[in-house]
C-alpha atoms as a PDB file:
ATOM      1  CA  MET A   1     -81.956 -36.654  -7.384  1.00  0.00           C
ATOM      2  CA  ARG A   2     -81.902 -35.701  -3.729  1.00  0.00           C
ATOM      3  CA  ALA A   3     -78.584 -36.328  -2.009  1.00  0.00           C
ATOM      4  CA  ASP A   4     -78.456 -39.024   0.645  1.00  0.00           C
ATOM      5  CA  ASN A   5     -77.808 -37.855   4.209  1.00  0.00           C
ATOM      6  CA  GLU A   6     -74.094 -38.703   4.165  1.00  0.00           C
ATOM      7  CA  THR A   7     -73.423 -36.850   0.893  1.00  0.00           C
ATOM      8  CA  ARG A   8     -75.588 -33.948   2.044  1.00  0.00           C
ATOM      9  CA  SER A   9     -73.573 -33.675   5.262  1.00  0.00           C
ATOM     10  CA  ILE A  10     -70.261 -33.776   3.362  1.00  0.00           C
ATOM     11  CA  ILE A  11     -71.359 -31.096   0.872  1.00  0.00           C
ATOM     12  CA  ASN A  12     -72.703 -28.883   3.684  1.00  0.00           C
ATOM     13  CA  SER A  13     -69.296 -29.195   5.375  1.00  0.00           C
ATOM     14  CA  LEU A  14     -67.597 -28.313   2.084  1.00  0.00           C
ATOM     15  CA  LEU A  15     -69.803 -25.204   1.808  1.00  0.00           C
ATOM     16  CA  GLU A  16     -68.961 -24.192   5.396  1.00  0.00           C
ATOM     17  CA  GLU A  17     -65.235 -24.719   4.740  1.00  0.00           C
ATOM     18  CA  PHE A  18     -65.550 -22.548   1.623  1.00  0.00           C
ATOM     19  CA  LYS A  19     -67.279 -19.839   3.678  1.00  0.00           C
ATOM     20  CA  ALA A  20     -64.550 -19.987   6.335  1.00  0.00           C
ATOM     21  CA  ALA A  21     -61.790 -19.801   3.701  1.00  0.00           C
ATOM     22  CA  VAL A  22     -63.391 -16.794   1.991  1.00  0.00           C
ATOM     23  CA  GLU A  23     -63.945 -14.981   5.287  1.00  0.00           C
ATOM     24  CA  ALA A  24     -60.313 -15.719   6.284  1.00  0.00           C
ATOM     25  CA  LYS A  25     -59.289 -14.362   2.849  1.00  0.00           C
ATOM     26  CA  ASN A  26     -57.292 -17.554   2.333  1.00  0.00           C
ATOM     27  CA  ALA A  27     -56.981 -18.367  -1.385  1.00  0.00           C
ATOM     28  CA  ASP A  28     -54.890 -21.489  -0.689  1.00  0.00           C
ATOM     29  CA  ALA A  29     -57.654 -22.893   1.549  1.00  0.00           C
ATOM     30  CA  ILE A  30     -60.171 -22.315  -1.273  1.00  0.00           C
ATOM     31  CA  ILE A  31     -57.936 -24.171  -3.733  1.00  0.00           C
ATOM     32  CA  ALA A  32     -57.659 -27.068  -1.248  1.00  0.00           C
ATOM     33  CA  LEU A  33     -61.468 -27.431  -1.510  1.00  0.00           C
ATOM     34  CA  THR A  34     -61.346 -28.093  -5.271  1.00  0.00           C
ATOM     35  CA  THR A  35     -60.691 -31.212  -7.331  1.00  0.00           C
ATOM     36  CA  ASN A  36     -57.503 -29.511  -8.598  1.00  0.00           C
ATOM     37  CA  ASP A  37     -58.638 -30.046 -12.188  1.00  0.00           C
ATOM     38  CA  PRO A  38     -56.564 -27.984 -14.680  1.00  0.00           C
ATOM     39  CA  ASN A  39     -59.738 -27.457 -16.766  1.00  0.00           C
ATOM     40  CA  MET A  40     -61.916 -26.445 -13.822  1.00  0.00           C
ATOM     41  CA  LEU A  41     -64.149 -23.520 -14.839  1.00  0.00           C
ATOM     42  CA  ASN A  42     -65.146 -20.890 -12.300  1.00  0.00           C
ATOM     43  CA  ILE A  43     -67.304 -17.890 -13.092  1.00  0.00           C
ATOM     44  CA  GLY A  44     -67.681 -14.922 -10.761  1.00  0.00           C
ATOM     45  CA  PRO A  45     -70.286 -12.167 -10.737  1.00  0.00           C
ATOM     46  CA  GLY A  46     -68.210  -9.574 -12.611  1.00  0.00           C
ATOM     47  CA  LYS A  47     -67.887  -9.240 -16.389  1.00  0.00           C
ATOM     48  CA  GLU A  48     -64.310 -10.523 -16.393  1.00  0.00           C
ATOM     49  CA  ASP A  49     -64.550 -12.901 -13.427  1.00  0.00           C
ATOM     50  CA  MET A  50     -63.774 -16.170 -15.156  1.00  0.00           C
ATOM     51  CA  SER A  51     -60.971 -18.561 -14.373  1.00  0.00           C
ATOM     52  CA  ILE A  52     -59.815 -21.879 -15.753  1.00  0.00           C
ATOM     53  CA  GLY A  53     -57.822 -24.130 -13.475  1.00  0.00           C
ATOM     54  CA  THR A  54     -56.748 -23.603  -9.899  1.00  0.00           C
ATOM     55  CA  GLY A  55     -53.941 -21.146 -10.764  1.00  0.00           C
ATOM     56  CA  GLN A  56     -56.328 -18.603 -12.234  1.00  0.00           C
ATOM     57  CA  LEU A  57     -58.855 -19.296  -9.473  1.00  0.00           C
ATOM     58  CA  LYS A  58     -56.221 -18.490  -6.847  1.00  0.00           C
ATOM     59  CA  GLU A  59     -55.322 -15.253  -8.687  1.00  0.00           C
ATOM     60  CA  TYR A  60     -59.011 -14.293  -8.817  1.00  0.00           C
ATOM     61  CA  TYR A  61     -59.461 -14.691  -5.058  1.00  0.00           C
ATOM     62  CA  GLN A  62     -56.163 -12.987  -4.222  1.00  0.00           C
ATOM     63  CA  LYS A  63     -57.230 -10.005  -6.337  1.00  0.00           C
ATOM     64  CA  MET A  64     -60.681  -9.909  -4.720  1.00  0.00           C
ATOM     65  CA  PHE A  65     -59.245 -10.197  -1.206  1.00  0.00           C
ATOM     66  CA  SER A  66     -56.826  -7.322  -1.875  1.00  0.00           C
ATOM     67  CA  THR A  67     -59.771  -4.973  -2.486  1.00  0.00           C
ATOM     68  CA  ALA A  68     -61.438  -5.550   0.893  1.00  0.00           C
ATOM     69  CA  ASP A  69     -60.505  -5.501   4.552  1.00  0.00           C
ATOM     70  CA  THR A  70     -63.219  -8.009   5.406  1.00  0.00           C
ATOM     71  CA  VAL A  71     -65.366 -10.424   3.425  1.00  0.00           C
ATOM     72  CA  THR A  72     -68.413 -12.196   4.821  1.00  0.00           C
ATOM     73  CA  LEU A  73     -70.655 -14.835   3.302  1.00  0.00           C
ATOM     74  CA  LYS A  74     -74.160 -15.869   4.256  1.00  0.00           C
ATOM     75  CA  TYR A  75     -76.003 -18.738   2.612  1.00  0.00           C
ATOM     76  CA  GLY A  76     -79.729 -18.552   2.004  1.00  0.00           C
ATOM     77  CA  TYR A  77     -81.982 -21.253   0.591  1.00  0.00           C
ATOM     78  CA  THR A  78     -79.715 -24.067  -0.598  1.00  0.00           C
ATOM     79  CA  THR A  79     -80.411 -27.313  -2.438  1.00  0.00           C
ATOM     80  CA  ILE A  80     -78.013 -30.231  -2.674  1.00  0.00           C
ATOM     81  CA  LYS A  81     -78.549 -33.070  -5.124  1.00  0.00           C
ATOM     82  CA  SER A  82     -76.298 -35.934  -6.115  1.00  0.00           C
ATOM     83  CA  ASN A  83     -75.838 -39.017  -8.211  1.00  0.00           C
ATOM     84  CA  GLY A  84     -73.008 -41.298  -7.178  1.00  0.00           C
ATOM     85  CA  ASN A  85     -69.726 -39.403  -6.967  1.00  0.00           C
ATOM     86  CA  VAL A  86     -71.163 -36.123  -8.303  1.00  0.00           C
ATOM     87  CA  ALA A  87     -73.162 -33.557  -6.352  1.00  0.00           C
ATOM     88  CA  TRP A  88     -74.545 -30.192  -7.396  1.00  0.00           C
ATOM     89  CA  VAL A  89     -75.512 -27.241  -5.260  1.00  0.00           C
ATOM     90  CA  SER A  90     -77.721 -24.216  -5.841  1.00  0.00           C
ATOM     91  CA  SER A  91     -77.842 -21.454  -3.270  1.00  0.00           C
ATOM     92  CA  HIS A  92     -78.888 -17.908  -2.623  1.00  0.00           C
ATOM     93  CA  LEU A  93     -75.799 -16.204  -1.228  1.00  0.00           C
ATOM     94  CA  TRP A  94     -74.933 -12.802   0.184  1.00  0.00           C
ATOM     95  CA  GLU A  95     -71.330 -11.640   0.051  1.00  0.00           C
ATOM     96  CA  THR A  96     -70.288  -8.444   1.809  1.00  0.00           C
ATOM     97  CA  LEU A  97     -66.945  -6.798   1.136  1.00  0.00           C
ATOM     98  CA  LYS A  98     -65.877  -3.938   3.421  1.00  0.00           C
ATOM     99  CA  LYS A  99     -63.017  -1.486   2.984  1.00  0.00           C
ATOM    100  CA  GLY A 100     -62.271   1.040   5.704  1.00  0.00           C
ATOM    101  CA  GLN A 101     -65.026   2.462   7.855  1.00  0.00           C
ATOM    102  CA  THR A 102     -67.481   3.547   5.186  1.00  0.00           C
ATOM    103  CA  ARG A 103     -67.092   1.548   1.976  1.00  0.00           C
ATOM    104  CA  GLN A 104     -69.146  -1.604   1.634  1.00  0.00           C
ATOM    105  CA  LEU A 105     -70.286  -3.730  -1.279  1.00  0.00           C
ATOM    106  CA  LEU A 106     -73.188  -6.121  -0.691  1.00  0.00           C
ATOM    107  CA  LEU A 107     -73.675  -8.698  -3.428  1.00  0.00           C
ATOM    108  CA  ASP A 108     -77.012 -10.519  -3.492  1.00  0.00           C
ATOM    109  CA  MET A 109     -75.955 -13.526  -5.554  1.00  0.00           C
ATOM    110  CA  ARG A 110     -76.920 -16.917  -6.826  1.00  0.00           C
ATOM    111  CA  MET A 111     -74.405 -19.733  -6.654  1.00  0.00           C
ATOM    112  CA  THR A 112     -74.295 -23.045  -8.455  1.00  0.00           C
ATOM    113  CA  ALA A 113     -71.495 -25.514  -7.929  1.00  0.00           C
ATOM    114  CA  VAL A 114     -70.557 -29.036  -8.883  1.00  0.00           C
ATOM    115  CA  ALA A 115     -68.582 -31.223  -6.498  1.00  0.00           C
ATOM    116  CA  GLU A 116     -66.979 -34.533  -7.314  1.00  0.00           C
ATOM    117  CA  LYS A 117     -65.639 -37.346  -5.186  1.00  0.00           C
ATOM    118  CA  ILE A 118     -62.228 -38.223  -6.578  1.00  0.00           C
ATOM    119  CA  GLU A 119     -59.935 -40.689  -4.805  1.00  0.00           C
ATOM    120  CA  ASN A 120     -62.277 -40.702  -1.800  1.00  0.00           C
ATOM    121  CA  LYS A 121     -62.198 -36.880  -1.387  1.00  0.00           C
ATOM    122  CA  TRP A 122     -64.986 -34.459  -2.252  1.00  0.00           C
ATOM    123  CA  GLY A 123     -64.036 -31.169  -3.898  1.00  0.00           C
ATOM    124  CA  PHE A 124     -65.557 -28.471  -6.063  1.00  0.00           C
ATOM    125  CA  SER A 125     -64.980 -29.027  -9.770  1.00  0.00           C
ATOM    126  CA  GLU A 126     -66.969 -25.996 -10.945  1.00  0.00           C
ATOM    127  CA  MET A 127     -68.482 -22.887  -9.378  1.00  0.00           C
ATOM    128  CA  HIS A 128     -70.621 -20.119 -10.790  1.00  0.00           C
ATOM    129  CA  PHE A 129     -71.690 -16.951  -8.982  1.00  0.00           C
ATOM    130  CA  SER A 130     -74.073 -14.472 -10.558  1.00  0.00           C
ATOM    131  CA  VAL A 131     -75.834 -11.282  -9.563  1.00  0.00           C
ATOM    132  CA  PRO A 132     -79.419 -11.250 -10.814  1.00  0.00           C
ATOM    133  CA  ALA A 133     -80.238  -8.348 -13.069  1.00  0.00           C
ATOM    134  CA  GLU A 134     -83.573  -6.950 -14.093  1.00  0.00           C
ATOM    135  CA  VAL A 135     -84.446  -8.383 -17.468  1.00  0.00           C
ATOM    136  CA  LYS A 136     -86.711  -6.027 -19.329  1.00  0.00           C
ATOM    137  CA  MET A 137     -87.317  -5.381 -23.007  1.00  0.00           C
ATOM    138  CA  PRO A 138     -86.362  -1.800 -23.901  1.00  0.00           C
ATOM    139  CA  GLU A 139     -89.165   0.613 -24.766  1.00  0.00           C
ATOM    140  CA  ALA A 140     -90.104   0.774 -28.433  1.00  0.00           C
ATOM    141  CA  SER A 141     -89.074   3.786 -30.507  1.00  0.00           C
ATOM    142  CA  PRO A 142     -91.908   6.023 -31.784  1.00  0.00           C
ATOM    143  CA  GLU A 143     -91.586   4.383 -35.215  1.00  0.00           C
ATOM    144  CA  GLU A 144     -91.776   0.897 -33.704  1.00  0.00           C
ATOM    145  CA  LYS A 145     -94.805   1.889 -31.598  1.00  0.00           C
ATOM    146  CA  ALA A 146     -96.578   3.195 -34.692  1.00  0.00           C
ATOM    147  CA  ALA A 147     -95.778  -0.014 -36.608  1.00  0.00           C
ATOM    148  CA  GLU A 148     -96.969  -2.135 -33.662  1.00  0.00           C
ATOM    149  CA  GLU A 149    -100.244  -0.178 -33.535  1.00  0.00           C
ATOM    150  CA  VAL A 150    -100.781  -0.654 -37.288  1.00  0.00           C
ATOM    151  CA  ALA A 151    -100.031  -4.384 -36.956  1.00  0.00           C
ATOM    152  CA  ALA A 152    -102.375  -4.712 -33.960  1.00  0.00           C
ATOM    153  CA  ALA A 153    -105.140  -2.911 -35.884  1.00  0.00           C
ATOM    154  CA  ALA A 154    -104.607  -5.221 -38.883  1.00  0.00           C
ATOM    155  CA  VAL A 155    -104.806  -8.298 -36.637  1.00  0.00           C
ATOM    156  CA  LYS A 156    -107.978  -6.957 -35.003  1.00  0.00           C
ATOM    157  CA  ALA A 157    -109.530  -6.215 -38.423  1.00  0.00           C
ATOM    158  CA  ALA A 158    -108.609  -9.688 -39.712  1.00  0.00           C
ATOM    159  CA  GLU A 159    -110.102 -11.313 -36.610  1.00  0.00           C
ATOM    160  CA  GLY A 160    -113.270  -9.215 -37.056  1.00  0.00           C
ATOM    161  CA  ALA A 161    -113.545 -10.191 -40.732  1.00  0.00           C
ATOM    162  CA  LYS A 162    -113.026 -13.866 -39.877  1.00  0.00           C
ATOM    163  CA  LYS A 163    -115.676 -13.679 -37.168  1.00  0.00           C
ATOM    164  CA  LYS A 164    -118.105 -12.023 -39.613  1.00  0.00           C
ATOM    165  CA  VAL A 165    -117.517 -14.738 -42.232  1.00  0.00           C
ATOM    166  CA  GLU A 166    -118.093 -17.435 -39.581  1.00  0.00           C
ATOM    167  CA  GLU A 167    -121.331 -15.734 -38.475  1.00  0.00           C
ATOM    168  CA  GLU A 168    -122.528 -15.472 -42.103  1.00  0.00           C
ATOM    169  CA  LYS A 169    -121.704 -19.149 -42.647  1.00  0.00           C
ATOM    170  CA  LYS A 170    -123.569 -20.128 -39.488  1.00  0.00           C
ATOM    171  CA  LYS A 171    -126.633 -18.065 -40.575  1.00  0.00           C
ATOM    172  CA  ALA A 172    -126.574 -19.751 -43.994  1.00  0.00           C
ATOM    173  CA  GLU A 173    -126.413 -23.203 -42.361  1.00  0.00           C
ATOM    174  CA  LEU A 174    -129.334 -22.338 -40.078  1.00  0.00           C
ATOM    175  CA  LYS A 175    -131.302 -20.956 -43.049  1.00  0.00           C
ATOM    176  CA  ALA A 176    -130.726 -24.202 -44.971  1.00  0.00           C
ATOM    177  CA  ASP A 177    -132.306 -26.122 -42.095  1.00  0.00           C
ATOM    178  CA  GLU A 178    -135.462 -23.958 -42.132  1.00  0.00           C
ATOM    179  CA  PRO A 179    -138.549 -25.324 -43.898  1.00  0.00           C
ATOM    180  CA  PRO A 180    -139.514 -23.595 -47.128  1.00  0.00           C
ATOM    181  CA  THR A 181    -141.960 -20.722 -46.612  1.00  0.00           C
ATOM    182  CA  ASP A 182    -144.604 -22.315 -48.839  1.00  0.00           C
ATOM    183  CA  GLN A 183    -144.812 -25.436 -46.686  1.00  0.00           C
ATOM    184  CA  SER A 184    -146.314 -25.753 -43.300  1.00  0.00           C
ATOM    185  CA  PHE A 185    -144.275 -26.841 -40.338  1.00  0.00           C
ATOM    186  CA  PHE A 186    -146.052 -30.205 -40.320  1.00  0.00           C
ATOM    187  CA  ASP A 187    -145.287 -30.846 -43.985  1.00  0.00           C
ATOM    188  CA  TYR A 188    -141.595 -30.278 -43.380  1.00  0.00           C
ATOM    189  CA  TYR A 189    -141.197 -32.525 -40.350  1.00  0.00           C
END
């Protein structure tokens, strides 16, 4: 359900405050934007980037901030939806981490987040960042290719046999409707 204008404005402000906190490398400011739920789950783009509760979330950001001199965020297409005191956000997001003059990591990410209004204050209760990966089935081994070709040939042969049986059946039905050869057309109809 689309968020009403007031909720949309509040969540946009929350997103901008999050951006400012990340770019200031201020883990405490990020924690202040949460619901402070001890079971809050946050998932980052790395294999081990998962935290439960604000303590682990703070550690995650402190560790990330220590690896970069500067961090910048840029939001792309973003949707905000809500129902009562719960809102959810989906966004395309670019995060750039720079270290020194030459090292830079650009993350083209997707972000989903849930925000809740608790005691008249909106805060994030869950966040998930992911880096899209190419999803592609691995190539078949030579043995698998051979088996697939045999299976495809068997399917094709079965379809051909079925089609032939259907054609034979259709011919037989048409033949049954033909007048006997020893009668004239007028005798039959």
